[in-house]
N, C-alpha and C. Protein backbone atom coordinates (compact mmCIF):
# COMPACT_ATOMS: atom_id res chain seq x y z
N MET A 1 62.63 37.52 70.31
CA MET A 1 63.08 36.16 69.97
C MET A 1 62.03 35.24 69.53
N ARG A 2 61.03 35.15 70.16
CA ARG A 2 59.83 34.25 69.84
C ARG A 2 59.26 34.71 68.53
N THR A 3 59.19 36.02 68.24
CA THR A 3 58.52 36.38 67.04
C THR A 3 59.48 36.14 65.85
N ALA A 4 60.70 36.16 65.91
CA ALA A 4 61.69 35.72 64.93
C ALA A 4 61.34 34.35 64.45
N ALA A 5 61.28 33.48 65.52
CA ALA A 5 61.32 32.10 65.41
C ALA A 5 59.99 31.65 64.96
N ALA A 6 58.89 32.37 65.18
CA ALA A 6 57.60 31.97 64.59
C ALA A 6 57.61 32.36 63.07
N GLY A 7 58.32 33.57 62.92
CA GLY A 7 58.26 34.07 61.65
C GLY A 7 59.04 32.96 60.74
N ALA A 8 60.07 32.51 61.27
CA ALA A 8 61.10 31.65 60.32
C ALA A 8 59.95 30.18 60.09
N VAL A 9 59.32 29.91 61.12
CA VAL A 9 58.44 28.57 60.78
C VAL A 9 57.53 29.00 59.74
N GLY A 10 56.82 30.09 59.88
CA GLY A 10 55.79 30.56 58.91
C GLY A 10 56.43 30.38 57.66
N ILE A 11 57.44 31.10 57.44
CA ILE A 11 58.17 31.04 56.19
C ILE A 11 58.53 29.61 55.54
N ALA A 12 58.94 28.70 56.55
CA ALA A 12 59.39 27.36 56.12
C ALA A 12 57.95 26.78 55.73
N LEU A 13 57.01 26.95 56.54
CA LEU A 13 55.63 26.27 56.12
C LEU A 13 55.18 26.77 54.57
N LEU A 14 55.42 27.98 54.42
CA LEU A 14 55.01 28.50 53.15
C LEU A 14 55.75 27.77 52.00
N ALA A 15 57.08 27.70 52.15
CA ALA A 15 57.88 27.20 51.27
C ALA A 15 57.59 25.73 50.92
N LEU A 16 57.25 25.07 51.96
CA LEU A 16 56.82 23.79 51.87
C LEU A 16 55.51 23.46 51.08
N THR A 17 54.53 24.31 51.46
CA THR A 17 53.34 24.18 50.75
C THR A 17 53.09 24.85 49.55
N ALA A 18 53.86 25.54 48.94
CA ALA A 18 53.88 26.25 47.67
C ALA A 18 53.62 25.31 46.59
N PRO A 19 52.87 25.45 45.46
CA PRO A 19 52.54 24.64 44.36
C PRO A 19 53.84 24.59 43.58
N ALA A 20 53.97 23.22 42.99
CA ALA A 20 55.17 23.28 42.02
C ALA A 20 54.99 23.94 40.61
N ALA A 21 53.78 23.96 40.11
CA ALA A 21 53.61 24.57 39.14
C ALA A 21 52.79 25.92 39.13
N ARG A 22 53.06 27.01 38.47
CA ARG A 22 52.50 28.30 38.66
C ARG A 22 51.28 28.32 37.79
N ALA A 23 50.13 28.74 38.08
CA ALA A 23 49.03 29.17 37.33
C ALA A 23 49.49 30.26 36.36
N VAL A 24 49.21 30.30 35.07
CA VAL A 24 49.64 31.13 34.15
C VAL A 24 48.52 32.01 33.61
N GLY A 25 47.38 32.21 34.27
CA GLY A 25 46.31 33.17 33.95
C GLY A 25 45.31 32.13 33.54
N GLU A 26 44.18 32.73 33.27
CA GLU A 26 42.85 32.07 32.67
C GLU A 26 43.19 31.60 31.36
N ASN A 27 42.82 30.41 31.15
CA ASN A 27 42.84 29.95 29.71
C ASN A 27 41.74 29.06 29.16
N THR A 28 41.49 28.81 28.12
CA THR A 28 40.33 28.00 27.52
C THR A 28 40.31 26.76 28.31
N SER A 29 41.45 26.14 28.55
CA SER A 29 41.32 24.69 29.21
C SER A 29 41.25 24.70 30.78
N GLY A 30 41.48 26.02 31.40
CA GLY A 30 41.35 26.01 32.85
C GLY A 30 42.40 25.34 33.46
N ALA A 31 43.51 24.93 32.96
CA ALA A 31 44.54 23.98 33.41
C ALA A 31 45.50 25.05 33.98
N VAL A 32 46.33 24.34 35.07
CA VAL A 32 47.60 25.07 35.65
C VAL A 32 48.74 24.69 34.81
N GLY A 33 49.70 25.52 34.54
CA GLY A 33 50.70 25.39 33.73
C GLY A 33 52.07 25.59 34.33
N VAL A 34 52.93 25.83 33.32
CA VAL A 34 54.36 26.43 33.89
C VAL A 34 54.61 27.42 33.13
N THR A 35 55.50 28.18 33.81
CA THR A 35 56.08 29.26 33.14
C THR A 35 57.54 28.99 32.14
N CYS A 36 57.54 29.41 31.25
CA CYS A 36 58.73 28.97 30.24
C CYS A 36 59.78 29.82 30.12
N GLY A 37 59.48 31.28 30.45
CA GLY A 37 60.55 32.18 30.35
C GLY A 37 59.87 33.64 29.84
N THR A 38 60.53 34.32 29.16
CA THR A 38 59.83 35.82 28.85
C THR A 38 60.12 36.00 27.34
N ASP A 39 59.11 36.67 26.68
CA ASP A 39 59.22 37.08 25.47
C ASP A 39 60.22 37.97 25.26
N GLY A 40 60.99 37.74 24.17
CA GLY A 40 62.23 38.82 23.85
C GLY A 40 61.87 40.14 23.52
N THR A 41 60.58 40.26 22.81
CA THR A 41 60.17 41.52 22.31
C THR A 41 59.59 42.27 23.28
N THR A 42 58.71 41.58 24.16
CA THR A 42 57.57 42.45 25.11
C THR A 42 58.22 42.37 26.46
N GLY A 43 58.96 41.21 26.80
CA GLY A 43 59.20 41.12 28.25
C GLY A 43 58.11 40.37 29.00
N LEU A 44 57.09 39.88 28.40
CA LEU A 44 55.78 39.23 28.91
C LEU A 44 56.46 37.75 29.39
N SER A 45 55.84 37.41 30.47
CA SER A 45 55.97 36.04 30.89
C SER A 45 55.20 35.01 30.01
N VAL A 46 55.95 33.95 29.43
CA VAL A 46 55.24 32.99 28.53
C VAL A 46 55.01 31.67 29.37
N GLY A 47 53.73 31.22 29.26
CA GLY A 47 53.51 29.96 29.81
C GLY A 47 52.81 29.05 28.96
N THR A 48 52.79 27.82 29.42
CA THR A 48 51.90 26.76 28.83
C THR A 48 51.62 25.58 29.72
N ALA A 49 50.90 24.63 29.21
CA ALA A 49 50.40 23.48 30.08
C ALA A 49 51.59 22.63 30.57
N HIS A 50 52.51 22.23 29.79
CA HIS A 50 53.62 21.31 30.00
C HIS A 50 54.91 21.82 29.85
N ALA A 51 55.75 21.59 30.61
CA ALA A 51 57.26 22.07 30.30
C ALA A 51 57.86 21.51 28.91
N ARG A 52 57.32 20.33 28.52
CA ARG A 52 57.70 19.79 27.41
C ARG A 52 57.45 20.50 26.21
N ASP A 53 56.47 21.46 26.23
CA ASP A 53 56.09 22.45 25.21
C ASP A 53 56.59 23.80 25.20
N CYS A 54 57.61 24.11 26.19
CA CYS A 54 58.07 25.46 26.37
C CYS A 54 58.81 25.85 25.22
N ALA A 55 59.72 25.11 24.42
CA ALA A 55 60.26 25.60 23.21
C ALA A 55 59.30 26.11 22.30
N THR A 56 58.28 25.36 21.99
CA THR A 56 57.25 26.01 20.98
C THR A 56 56.48 27.01 21.42
N ALA A 57 56.35 26.94 22.82
CA ALA A 57 55.59 28.30 23.47
C ALA A 57 56.34 29.61 23.16
N LEU A 58 57.53 29.41 23.37
CA LEU A 58 58.34 30.57 23.22
C LEU A 58 58.40 31.04 21.74
N GLN A 59 58.47 30.00 20.83
CA GLN A 59 58.32 30.64 19.39
C GLN A 59 57.08 30.91 19.07
N VAL A 60 56.02 30.26 19.61
CA VAL A 60 54.56 31.02 19.39
C VAL A 60 54.66 32.52 19.91
N ALA A 61 55.02 32.73 21.11
CA ALA A 61 54.95 34.02 21.67
C ALA A 61 55.92 35.02 20.75
N SER A 62 56.90 34.46 20.35
CA SER A 62 57.68 35.35 19.64
C SER A 62 57.06 35.82 18.30
N ALA A 63 56.36 34.77 17.48
CA ALA A 63 56.00 34.98 16.26
C ALA A 63 54.54 35.87 16.42
N TYR A 64 53.91 35.70 17.47
CA TYR A 64 52.73 36.47 17.99
C TYR A 64 53.09 37.84 18.21
N THR A 65 54.12 38.22 19.04
CA THR A 65 54.50 39.56 19.42
C THR A 65 54.99 40.20 18.21
N ARG A 66 55.46 39.60 17.28
CA ARG A 66 56.18 40.19 16.07
C ARG A 66 55.09 40.83 15.15
N SER A 67 54.02 40.11 15.15
CA SER A 67 52.82 40.64 14.25
C SER A 67 51.66 40.90 14.89
N TRP A 68 51.58 41.21 16.25
CA TRP A 68 50.30 41.68 16.97
C TRP A 68 50.17 43.21 16.98
N ASP A 69 48.90 43.47 16.79
CA ASP A 69 48.54 44.80 16.86
C ASP A 69 47.95 44.91 18.34
N SER A 70 48.73 45.68 19.13
CA SER A 70 48.19 45.46 20.68
C SER A 70 46.88 46.35 20.70
N GLY A 71 46.54 47.06 19.82
CA GLY A 71 45.21 47.95 19.72
C GLY A 71 44.12 47.18 19.23
N GLY A 72 44.41 46.17 18.45
CA GLY A 72 43.27 45.46 17.77
C GLY A 72 42.59 44.37 18.76
N ALA A 73 41.37 44.18 18.27
CA ALA A 73 40.64 43.30 19.21
C ALA A 73 40.32 41.95 18.39
N GLU A 74 40.80 41.83 17.08
CA GLU A 74 40.48 40.60 16.25
C GLU A 74 41.75 39.67 16.85
N ALA A 75 41.31 38.45 16.36
CA ALA A 75 42.59 37.39 16.71
C ALA A 75 43.51 37.44 15.72
N THR A 76 44.68 37.13 15.77
CA THR A 76 45.81 36.94 14.94
C THR A 76 46.19 35.34 14.74
N THR A 77 46.49 35.04 13.48
CA THR A 77 46.97 33.54 13.36
C THR A 77 48.47 33.64 13.09
N VAL A 78 49.19 32.78 13.77
CA VAL A 78 50.74 32.52 13.41
C VAL A 78 50.78 31.12 13.06
N HIS A 79 51.95 30.99 12.46
CA HIS A 79 52.27 29.44 12.11
C HIS A 79 53.73 29.07 12.53
N VAL A 80 53.91 28.13 13.40
CA VAL A 80 54.84 27.83 14.23
C VAL A 80 55.10 26.16 14.30
N ALA A 81 56.17 25.73 13.84
CA ALA A 81 56.60 24.34 13.99
C ALA A 81 55.28 23.36 13.26
N GLY A 82 55.02 23.91 12.13
CA GLY A 82 53.75 23.07 11.49
C GLY A 82 52.54 23.13 11.88
N SER A 83 52.21 24.04 12.90
CA SER A 83 50.89 24.17 13.49
C SER A 83 50.43 25.70 13.39
N SER A 84 49.10 25.85 13.25
CA SER A 84 48.69 27.30 13.33
C SER A 84 48.03 27.59 14.82
N TRP A 85 48.25 28.81 15.28
CA TRP A 85 47.74 29.16 16.50
C TRP A 85 46.95 30.48 16.34
N ARG A 86 45.94 30.51 17.09
CA ARG A 86 44.90 31.54 17.03
C ARG A 86 45.33 32.41 18.19
N CYS A 87 45.65 33.74 18.37
CA CYS A 87 46.12 34.44 19.27
C CYS A 87 45.37 35.85 19.57
N ARG A 88 45.09 36.06 20.65
CA ARG A 88 44.15 37.18 20.95
C ARG A 88 44.32 37.60 22.61
N GLU A 89 43.97 39.00 22.70
CA GLU A 89 43.99 39.42 24.05
C GLU A 89 42.70 38.67 24.88
N ARG A 90 42.73 38.43 25.96
CA ARG A 90 41.79 37.99 26.77
C ARG A 90 41.46 38.91 28.16
N PRO A 91 40.59 38.97 28.84
CA PRO A 91 40.22 39.72 29.92
C PRO A 91 40.77 38.71 31.03
N GLY A 92 41.58 39.41 32.02
CA GLY A 92 42.06 38.77 33.16
C GLY A 92 41.41 39.22 34.46
N PRO A 93 41.56 38.70 35.48
CA PRO A 93 41.20 39.07 36.75
C PRO A 93 41.59 40.51 37.03
N LEU A 94 42.76 40.89 36.80
CA LEU A 94 43.29 42.31 37.05
C LEU A 94 43.81 42.96 35.87
N ASN A 95 44.41 42.13 35.00
CA ASN A 95 44.87 42.81 33.73
C ASN A 95 44.64 41.89 32.53
N PRO A 96 44.42 42.54 31.46
CA PRO A 96 44.21 41.53 30.24
C PRO A 96 45.58 40.66 29.88
N TYR A 97 45.34 39.72 29.33
CA TYR A 97 46.61 38.97 28.93
C TYR A 97 46.33 38.48 27.49
N GLN A 98 47.42 37.78 26.97
CA GLN A 98 47.33 37.30 25.46
C GLN A 98 47.50 35.94 25.69
N GLU A 99 46.78 35.16 24.78
CA GLU A 99 46.66 33.72 24.75
C GLU A 99 46.40 33.21 23.13
N CYS A 100 47.26 32.25 22.95
CA CYS A 100 47.30 31.73 21.79
C CYS A 100 46.77 30.29 21.92
N VAL A 101 45.87 29.67 21.02
CA VAL A 101 45.51 28.19 21.06
C VAL A 101 45.91 27.60 19.85
N GLU A 102 46.49 26.40 19.77
CA GLU A 102 46.49 25.60 18.60
C GLU A 102 45.26 25.31 17.98
N THR A 103 45.22 25.50 16.57
CA THR A 103 43.83 25.29 16.00
C THR A 103 43.66 23.85 15.47
N GLY A 104 44.53 23.05 15.56
CA GLY A 104 44.43 21.75 15.30
C GLY A 104 43.71 20.76 16.17
N GLY A 105 43.23 21.34 17.37
CA GLY A 105 42.23 20.54 18.25
C GLY A 105 43.06 19.87 19.20
N VAL A 106 44.46 20.10 19.14
CA VAL A 106 45.20 19.31 20.19
C VAL A 106 45.05 19.73 21.70
N GLY A 107 44.49 21.09 21.86
CA GLY A 107 44.30 21.43 23.15
C GLY A 107 45.66 22.26 23.78
N ARG A 108 46.64 22.37 23.00
CA ARG A 108 47.69 23.12 23.43
C ARG A 108 47.54 24.70 23.38
N TRP A 109 48.05 25.42 24.52
CA TRP A 109 47.76 26.92 24.52
C TRP A 109 49.05 27.48 25.15
N VAL A 110 49.19 28.71 24.80
CA VAL A 110 50.25 29.60 25.31
C VAL A 110 49.73 30.83 25.92
N THR A 111 50.25 31.40 27.04
CA THR A 111 49.69 32.62 27.48
C THR A 111 50.94 33.47 27.52
N LEU A 112 50.68 34.98 27.62
CA LEU A 112 51.57 35.92 27.68
C LEU A 112 50.96 36.77 28.76
N THR A 113 51.69 36.88 29.84
CA THR A 113 51.29 37.79 30.95
C THR A 113 52.39 38.69 31.57
N SER A 114 51.84 39.71 32.40
CA SER A 114 52.75 40.62 32.69
C SER A 114 53.08 40.40 34.06
């Protein structure tokens, strides 16, 4: 009985201390971001820095995965919502991930992770 109560308390503490935003992989800005959903073509998780950019992030991910050569090491440029984005595979701590960075110097980024 005490073990069950201790477990319940531990779970409650974990729930209260969990971060509100999820890290979406290493990126050029080192920022913590939000998960926006999944890419319809690949099923990869799509993330960006701010929830307000999720609609654009999903469009960038879709444009990138439609044109990306998964075996290529070269960056791919996609054009979405009046902006250009440079996308490429990046090494991750466990698995590589895909990253797109807006080329206009605004600092916006999109990640695709498994």
